[in-house]
Amino acid sequence: MEKRTILALVLSAFVLLVFQLFMAKYYPATELSGTQEVAETGQVAGEMPITKFEKPASLIEKPREIKTPAIPLKEVEVETEKYVVTLSNEGGCVKSIVLKEYPHPATNETFKLIDIALPEEGIFNMDGLGEGDLSRVRYVTNKKGKEVLFSARLENGLEITKKYIFHDFLYHTELEVYLRNSSAYSLQADYFITAASNIDIANKIDRRYAQIVSNISGKARRDNGKKDDGLFEEGVVKYTGLQNKYFSAIVKTSVPTKGVLLKQIDGDNLLSALKIGGFTINPNSAVSHNFLLYAGPSKQDLMKPYGLDEAVSYGFFGGISKVLLAGLKLFQRVFRNWGVA
């Protein structure tokens, strides 16, 4: 073999070897491992898509549910000589109170003293009894004459009955609450019950007259409450409620109380709620709690029979104002004319 041929072969082998060593850094060897790349879809890269066959929904076993008949939302209206009251079976509470004898101070139209949109703010809505907020509980409703009966059963075996009693020629409404324990265990409970909320405020100027009035541990007081969770005042509560410039909506009770919640709602309005003290209901036993709601003019002679006359305030010069008012009434009875008096 000629020298030139041998030299050409050696050079060719050298070039191939150098070329492979030079290009190795651009084409690193692929390492094989025991795992395969999986796309975000959950399929193995490079494989055909896998179709999953699921069991039809009609064949999927579901836990057995015991369904109770749904109670439709219902409002009940009761009219007396003094007012028209609208109640809702959602929460078993008072939604609105219209005073028939008094036109609205601003519009001279029918005067709605109380107008409540949210069930949790309804008068005589309850919160507690081991079940939390009860404002969305739907009650079975029965109306007979001037009486309205709401009844419901809670999951803990407690049966609640609310009996409203209305009177033709009086400004008050009575509520009797019956709590029956149908379970096999003793039930220890307490609860809040809304006394008043959303009293009419004719305009921004009249907002300064709106206030929460209460008698706590023998002391009459006036408050504007607090926002968010409100202000809770401990003590024995004789009465609590709301007043605007001319009217009152106040609840009193003889049931042992632990205090009162004073709260600002919606920026402009107010809410007060009684806290009923802890009590025990034995199995197959019941307790009853009575409440009275006065909704009418803030006049001492009308409120005195209920022991609420001290809730009427004549301001800093209250003593002088009472004397002048007594004299004015005396002259009116003599001359039968308020202008002359």
Protein backbone atom coordinates (compact mmCIF):
# COMPACT_ATOMS: atom_id res chain seq x y z
CA MET A 1 0.00 0.00 0.00
CA GLU A 2 1.33 3.38 -0.87
CA LYS A 3 2.35 5.83 1.76
CA ARG A 4 -0.16 8.34 0.51
CA THR A 5 -3.02 5.93 1.01
CA ILE A 6 -1.94 5.04 4.53
CA LEU A 7 -1.55 8.71 5.41
CA ALA A 8 -5.04 9.48 4.06
CA LEU A 9 -6.60 6.72 6.19
CA VAL A 10 -4.81 7.91 9.34
CA LEU A 11 -5.86 11.51 8.75
CA SER A 12 -9.47 10.44 8.13
CA ALA A 13 -9.58 8.45 11.39
CA PHE A 14 -8.04 11.37 13.25
CA VAL A 15 -10.57 13.83 11.85
CA LEU A 16 -13.51 11.55 12.77
CA LEU A 17 -12.20 11.09 16.32
CA VAL A 18 -11.61 14.80 16.88
CA PHE A 19 -15.00 15.67 15.34
CA GLN A 20 -16.86 13.30 17.72
CA LEU A 21 -15.00 14.65 20.76
CA PHE A 22 -15.72 18.22 19.67
CA MET A 23 -19.45 17.70 19.03
CA ALA A 24 -20.10 15.67 22.18
CA LYS A 25 -20.61 18.81 24.26
CA TYR A 26 -23.42 19.92 21.96
CA TYR A 27 -25.19 16.56 22.01
CA PRO A 28 -24.98 15.15 25.55
CA ALA A 29 -25.97 11.54 26.04
CA THR A 30 -29.62 10.99 27.12
CA GLU A 31 -29.90 9.33 30.50
CA LEU A 32 -32.57 6.72 30.90
CA SER A 33 -34.41 6.47 34.24
CA GLY A 34 -37.23 4.45 35.74
CA THR A 35 -39.78 7.31 35.39
CA GLN A 36 -41.59 8.67 32.36
CA GLU A 37 -42.53 12.26 31.66
CA VAL A 38 -46.17 12.94 32.36
CA ALA A 39 -47.97 15.88 30.80
CA GLU A 40 -50.22 18.17 32.82
CA THR A 41 -53.17 16.22 31.56
CA GLY A 42 -52.03 13.17 33.51
CA GLN A 43 -51.14 11.17 30.35
CA VAL A 44 -47.72 9.67 29.65
CA ALA A 45 -45.89 11.65 26.98
CA GLY A 46 -45.86 9.92 23.65
CA GLU A 47 -48.71 7.55 24.48
CA MET A 48 -52.20 7.50 23.08
CA PRO A 49 -54.81 9.39 25.21
CA ILE A 50 -56.64 7.18 27.66
CA THR A 51 -60.45 7.47 27.75
CA LYS A 52 -61.88 7.07 31.25
CA PHE A 53 -65.27 5.46 31.67
CA GLU A 54 -67.10 6.67 34.77
CA LYS A 55 -70.06 5.06 36.45
CA PRO A 56 -73.32 6.77 35.44
CA ALA A 57 -74.57 9.27 38.00
CA SER A 58 -77.80 7.31 38.34
CA LEU A 59 -75.85 4.27 39.55
CA ILE A 60 -73.62 6.05 42.05
CA GLU A 61 -74.67 5.08 45.54
CA LYS A 62 -75.66 8.03 47.72
CA PRO A 63 -76.26 8.15 51.45
CA ARG A 64 -79.88 7.85 52.30
CA GLU A 65 -81.45 11.18 53.18
CA ILE A 66 -84.58 11.75 55.18
CA LYS A 67 -86.33 14.72 53.62
CA THR A 68 -88.81 16.83 55.52
CA PRO A 69 -91.45 18.84 53.72
CA ALA A 70 -90.23 22.35 52.89
CA ILE A 71 -92.21 25.08 54.62
CA PRO A 72 -92.95 27.95 52.21
CA LEU A 73 -92.24 31.53 53.22
CA LYS A 74 -95.38 33.16 54.57
CA GLU A 75 -96.37 36.53 55.98
CA VAL A 76 -99.29 37.11 58.31
CA GLU A 77 -101.05 40.44 58.77
CA VAL A 78 -103.01 41.34 61.87
CA GLU A 79 -105.03 44.55 62.10
CA THR A 80 -106.39 46.16 65.25
CA GLU A 81 -107.95 49.54 65.97
CA LYS A 82 -104.50 50.96 66.71
CA TYR A 83 -102.09 49.33 64.24
CA VAL A 84 -101.39 46.84 61.47
CA VAL A 85 -98.65 44.30 62.22
CA THR A 86 -96.95 42.09 59.63
CA LEU A 87 -95.28 38.90 60.87
CA SER A 88 -93.11 36.41 59.01
CA ASN A 89 -92.88 32.67 59.56
CA GLU A 90 -89.14 33.00 58.80
CA GLY A 91 -87.86 33.46 62.32
CA GLY A 92 -91.43 33.80 63.61
CA CYS A 93 -90.89 37.52 64.10
CA VAL A 94 -92.42 40.97 63.56
CA LYS A 95 -91.47 42.62 60.25
CA SER A 96 -93.41 45.86 60.34
CA ILE A 97 -95.77 47.93 62.48
CA VAL A 98 -98.04 50.58 60.98
CA LEU A 99 -99.74 53.05 63.34
CA LYS A 100 -103.23 53.79 62.01
CA GLU A 101 -104.04 56.90 64.06
CA TYR A 102 -100.90 58.85 63.21
CA PRO A 103 -99.77 60.05 59.77
CA HIS A 104 -96.07 60.17 59.00
CA PRO A 105 -94.56 63.41 60.37
CA ALA A 106 -92.80 64.14 57.07
CA THR A 107 -95.21 62.90 54.39
CA ASN A 108 -98.57 62.91 56.21
CA GLU A 109 -99.13 59.40 54.82
CA THR A 110 -99.60 56.09 56.62
CA PHE A 111 -96.94 55.89 59.30
CA LYS A 112 -94.82 52.73 59.38
CA LEU A 113 -93.13 52.90 62.77
CA ILE A 114 -91.13 49.71 62.20
CA ASP A 115 -89.98 48.41 58.81
CA ILE A 116 -87.53 45.49 58.80
CA ALA A 117 -86.03 43.83 55.72
CA LEU A 118 -83.61 41.29 57.24
CA PRO A 119 -84.99 38.32 59.23
CA GLU A 120 -82.10 38.47 61.71
CA GLU A 121 -83.21 41.98 62.70
CA GLY A 122 -86.88 41.07 63.14
CA ILE A 123 -88.53 41.88 66.47
CA PHE A 124 -88.63 38.75 68.66
CA ASN A 125 -86.11 36.92 66.48
CA MET A 126 -84.14 34.48 68.65
CA ASP A 127 -80.45 33.59 68.60
CA GLY A 128 -79.02 30.74 70.69
CA LEU A 129 -80.67 27.73 72.34
CA GLY A 130 -77.70 25.65 71.24
CA GLU A 131 -78.48 26.21 67.54
CA GLY A 132 -77.10 29.71 66.86
CA ASP A 133 -79.01 32.18 64.70
CA LEU A 134 -82.62 31.06 64.33
CA SER A 135 -83.71 33.85 61.98
CA ARG A 136 -83.90 31.48 58.98
CA VAL A 137 -85.96 28.79 60.70
CA ARG A 138 -89.33 28.40 58.97
CA TYR A 139 -92.23 28.00 61.40
CA VAL A 140 -95.57 26.32 60.85
CA THR A 141 -98.16 29.09 61.09
CA ASN A 142 -101.68 29.17 62.51
CA LYS A 143 -103.85 32.26 62.87
CA LYS A 144 -107.04 32.46 64.86
CA GLY A 145 -108.67 35.83 65.37
CA LYS A 146 -106.21 38.15 67.09
CA GLU A 147 -103.77 35.34 67.87
CA VAL A 148 -100.94 33.98 65.71
CA LEU A 149 -99.10 30.75 66.53
CA PHE A 150 -95.68 29.80 65.17
CA SER A 151 -94.17 26.39 65.87
CA ALA A 152 -90.90 24.68 64.89
CA ARG A 153 -88.66 21.83 65.97
CA LEU A 154 -84.86 22.16 66.09
CA GLU A 155 -82.29 19.45 65.40
CA ASN A 156 -81.39 19.19 69.10
CA GLY A 157 -84.94 18.11 69.93
CA LEU A 158 -86.12 21.50 71.19
CA GLU A 159 -89.61 22.52 70.14
CA ILE A 160 -90.32 26.26 69.94
CA THR A 161 -93.79 27.74 69.99
CA LYS A 162 -94.40 31.49 69.72
CA LYS A 163 -97.85 32.75 70.51
CA TYR A 164 -98.65 36.37 69.61
CA ILE A 165 -101.69 37.99 71.22
CA PHE A 166 -103.01 41.30 69.85
CA HIS A 167 -105.48 43.72 71.46
CA ASP A 168 -107.92 45.97 69.65
CA PHE A 169 -107.75 49.21 71.62
CA LEU A 170 -104.30 48.99 73.16
CA TYR A 171 -100.82 49.78 71.89
CA HIS A 172 -99.21 46.60 73.13
CA THR A 173 -98.68 43.07 71.82
CA GLU A 174 -97.98 40.04 73.99
CA LEU A 175 -95.66 37.19 73.12
CA GLU A 176 -95.60 33.84 74.90
CA VAL A 177 -92.59 31.64 74.08
CA TYR A 178 -92.85 27.93 74.93
CA LEU A 179 -89.71 25.81 74.84
CA ARG A 180 -90.22 22.04 75.11
CA ASN A 181 -87.36 19.52 75.31
CA SER A 182 -88.44 16.39 73.44
CA SER A 183 -85.00 14.76 73.66
CA ALA A 184 -83.81 12.22 76.23
CA TYR A 185 -81.23 14.60 77.70
CA SER A 186 -81.37 17.75 79.81
CA LEU A 187 -80.80 20.91 77.81
CA GLN A 188 -78.94 23.91 79.23
CA ALA A 189 -79.42 27.04 77.15
CA ASP A 190 -79.66 30.80 76.91
CA TYR A 191 -80.59 33.06 74.04
CA PHE A 192 -80.88 36.58 72.68
CA ILE A 193 -84.25 37.89 71.60
CA THR A 194 -84.53 41.12 69.59
CA ALA A 195 -86.58 43.77 71.36
CA ALA A 196 -86.68 46.44 68.66
CA SER A 197 -84.88 47.52 65.49
CA ASN A 198 -85.23 49.72 62.40
CA ILE A 199 -87.44 52.40 63.92
CA ASP A 200 -88.58 55.09 61.50
CA ILE A 201 -86.16 57.99 61.03
CA ALA A 202 -87.83 60.66 58.90
CA ASN A 203 -84.64 62.50 57.89
CA LYS A 204 -81.04 63.14 58.89
CA ILE A 205 -82.05 65.82 61.37
CA ASP A 206 -84.39 63.41 63.18
CA ARG A 207 -81.58 60.84 63.42
CA ARG A 208 -80.28 62.63 66.52
CA TYR A 209 -83.55 61.83 68.31
CA ALA A 210 -83.27 58.08 67.62
CA GLN A 211 -81.88 56.22 70.62
CA ILE A 212 -81.91 52.97 72.56
CA VAL A 213 -83.72 53.26 75.88
CA SER A 214 -83.21 50.70 78.63
CA ASN A 215 -83.48 50.12 82.35
CA ILE A 216 -80.50 48.05 83.45
CA SER A 217 -80.16 47.06 87.11
CA GLY A 218 -82.60 49.79 88.16
CA LYS A 219 -80.97 52.61 86.17
CA ALA A 220 -82.66 54.23 83.17
CA ARG A 221 -80.22 54.96 80.37
CA ARG A 222 -80.06 56.07 76.76
CA ASP A 223 -77.54 54.81 74.24
CA ASN A 224 -76.63 54.74 70.57
CA GLY A 225 -74.91 51.36 70.83
CA LYS A 226 -71.86 50.39 68.81
CA LYS A 227 -71.22 49.09 65.30
CA ASP A 228 -70.25 45.56 64.27
CA ASP A 229 -70.76 43.28 67.31
CA GLY A 230 -72.47 46.01 69.34
CA LEU A 231 -72.15 46.81 73.03
CA PHE A 232 -73.27 44.28 75.63
CA GLU A 233 -74.29 45.60 79.05
CA GLU A 234 -74.68 43.06 81.83
CA GLY A 235 -77.43 43.33 84.41
CA VAL A 236 -81.09 42.74 85.11
CA VAL A 237 -83.07 44.41 82.33
CA LYS A 238 -86.52 45.79 83.13
CA TYR A 239 -87.12 47.01 79.57
CA THR A 240 -85.25 47.92 76.38
CA GLY A 241 -86.23 49.29 72.99
CA LEU A 242 -86.02 52.21 70.59
CA GLN A 243 -87.38 55.73 70.40
CA ASN A 244 -87.47 58.31 67.66
CA LYS A 245 -88.67 61.89 67.98
CA TYR A 246 -92.29 61.06 68.84
CA PHE A 247 -92.73 57.29 69.18
CA SER A 248 -91.44 54.26 71.05
CA ALA A 249 -91.06 50.53 70.45
CA ILE A 250 -90.08 48.96 73.79
CA VAL A 251 -90.11 45.41 75.16
CA LYS A 252 -90.35 44.45 78.81
CA THR A 253 -90.28 41.05 80.48
CA SER A 254 -90.37 39.40 83.87
CA VAL A 255 -88.05 36.62 82.67
CA PRO A 256 -84.59 36.60 84.36
CA THR A 257 -82.15 38.41 82.08
CA LYS A 258 -78.37 38.55 81.89
CA GLY A 259 -78.04 41.82 80.00
CA VAL A 260 -78.85 43.71 76.82
CA LEU A 261 -77.14 44.09 73.43
CA LEU A 262 -77.02 47.68 72.10
CA LYS A 263 -76.11 47.85 68.42
CA GLN A 264 -75.87 50.21 65.45
CA ILE A 265 -77.05 48.72 62.17
CA ASP A 266 -76.83 50.02 58.60
CA GLY A 267 -75.04 53.15 59.73
CA ASP A 268 -78.18 55.06 60.70
CA ASN A 269 -80.45 52.73 62.63
CA LEU A 270 -80.35 50.82 65.90
CA LEU A 271 -81.12 47.43 67.45
CA SER A 272 -81.51 46.25 71.03
CA ALA A 273 -81.80 42.63 72.17
CA LEU A 274 -82.38 40.99 75.55
CA LYS A 275 -80.19 38.15 76.71
CA ILE A 276 -82.25 35.62 78.63
CA GLY A 277 -80.28 33.93 81.42
CA GLY A 278 -79.09 30.34 81.39
CA PHE A 279 -81.75 27.79 82.27
CA THR A 280 -82.24 24.03 82.15
CA ILE A 281 -85.05 22.12 80.45
CA ASN A 282 -85.33 18.52 81.57
CA PRO A 283 -86.34 15.75 79.13
CA ASN A 284 -90.03 15.91 78.14
CA SER A 285 -90.40 19.17 80.05
CA ALA A 286 -91.10 22.75 78.99
CA VAL A 287 -90.57 26.34 80.10
CA SER A 288 -92.46 29.49 79.09
CA HIS A 289 -91.20 33.07 78.75
CA ASN A 290 -93.51 36.06 78.40
CA PHE A 291 -92.77 39.39 76.70
CA LEU A 292 -94.73 42.59 76.08
CA LEU A 293 -94.10 45.00 73.20
CA TYR A 294 -95.33 48.59 73.44
CA ALA A 295 -95.41 50.32 70.04
CA GLY A 296 -97.00 53.75 70.08
CA PRO A 297 -96.63 57.42 71.03
CA SER A 298 -94.01 58.40 73.59
CA LYS A 299 -96.59 59.69 76.06
CA GLN A 300 -96.27 59.09 79.78
CA ASP A 301 -99.99 58.65 80.37
CA LEU A 302 -100.13 55.87 77.73
CA MET A 303 -96.93 54.18 78.87
CA LYS A 304 -97.44 54.41 82.63
CA PRO A 305 -99.76 51.35 82.86
CA TYR A 306 -96.86 49.29 81.50
CA GLY A 307 -94.30 50.81 83.84
CA LEU A 308 -92.56 52.48 80.91
CA ASP A 309 -93.29 56.13 81.71
CA GLU A 310 -89.70 56.74 82.86
CA ALA A 311 -88.56 55.96 79.31
CA VAL A 312 -90.00 59.31 78.20
CA SER A 313 -87.41 62.06 78.56
CA TYR A 314 -87.98 65.81 78.52
CA GLY A 315 -84.30 66.66 78.38
CA PHE A 316 -82.11 68.63 80.77
CA PHE A 317 -85.02 70.79 81.97
CA GLY A 318 -87.28 67.79 82.41
CA GLY A 319 -88.69 68.93 85.76
CA ILE A 320 -89.76 72.33 84.44
CA SER A 321 -91.11 70.77 81.26
CA LYS A 322 -93.33 68.40 83.23
CA VAL A 323 -94.83 71.29 85.23
CA LEU A 324 -95.52 73.32 82.10
CA LEU A 325 -97.02 70.30 80.35
CA ALA A 326 -99.31 69.58 83.31
CA GLY A 327 -100.49 73.20 83.27
CA LEU A 328 -101.08 73.06 79.52
CA LYS A 329 -103.22 69.95 79.87
CA LEU A 330 -105.20 71.54 82.70
CA PHE A 331 -106.08 74.64 80.64
CA GLN A 332 -106.93 72.46 77.65
CA ARG A 333 -109.49 70.55 79.71
CA VAL A 334 -111.02 73.85 80.87
CA PHE A 335 -111.13 75.69 77.51
CA ARG A 336 -111.28 72.65 75.25
CA ASN A 337 -108.82 74.34 72.95
CA TRP A 338 -105.07 73.77 72.74
CA GLY A 339 -104.53 77.20 71.15
CA VAL A 340 -106.17 79.04 74.03
CA ALA A 341 -104.39 76.84 76.57
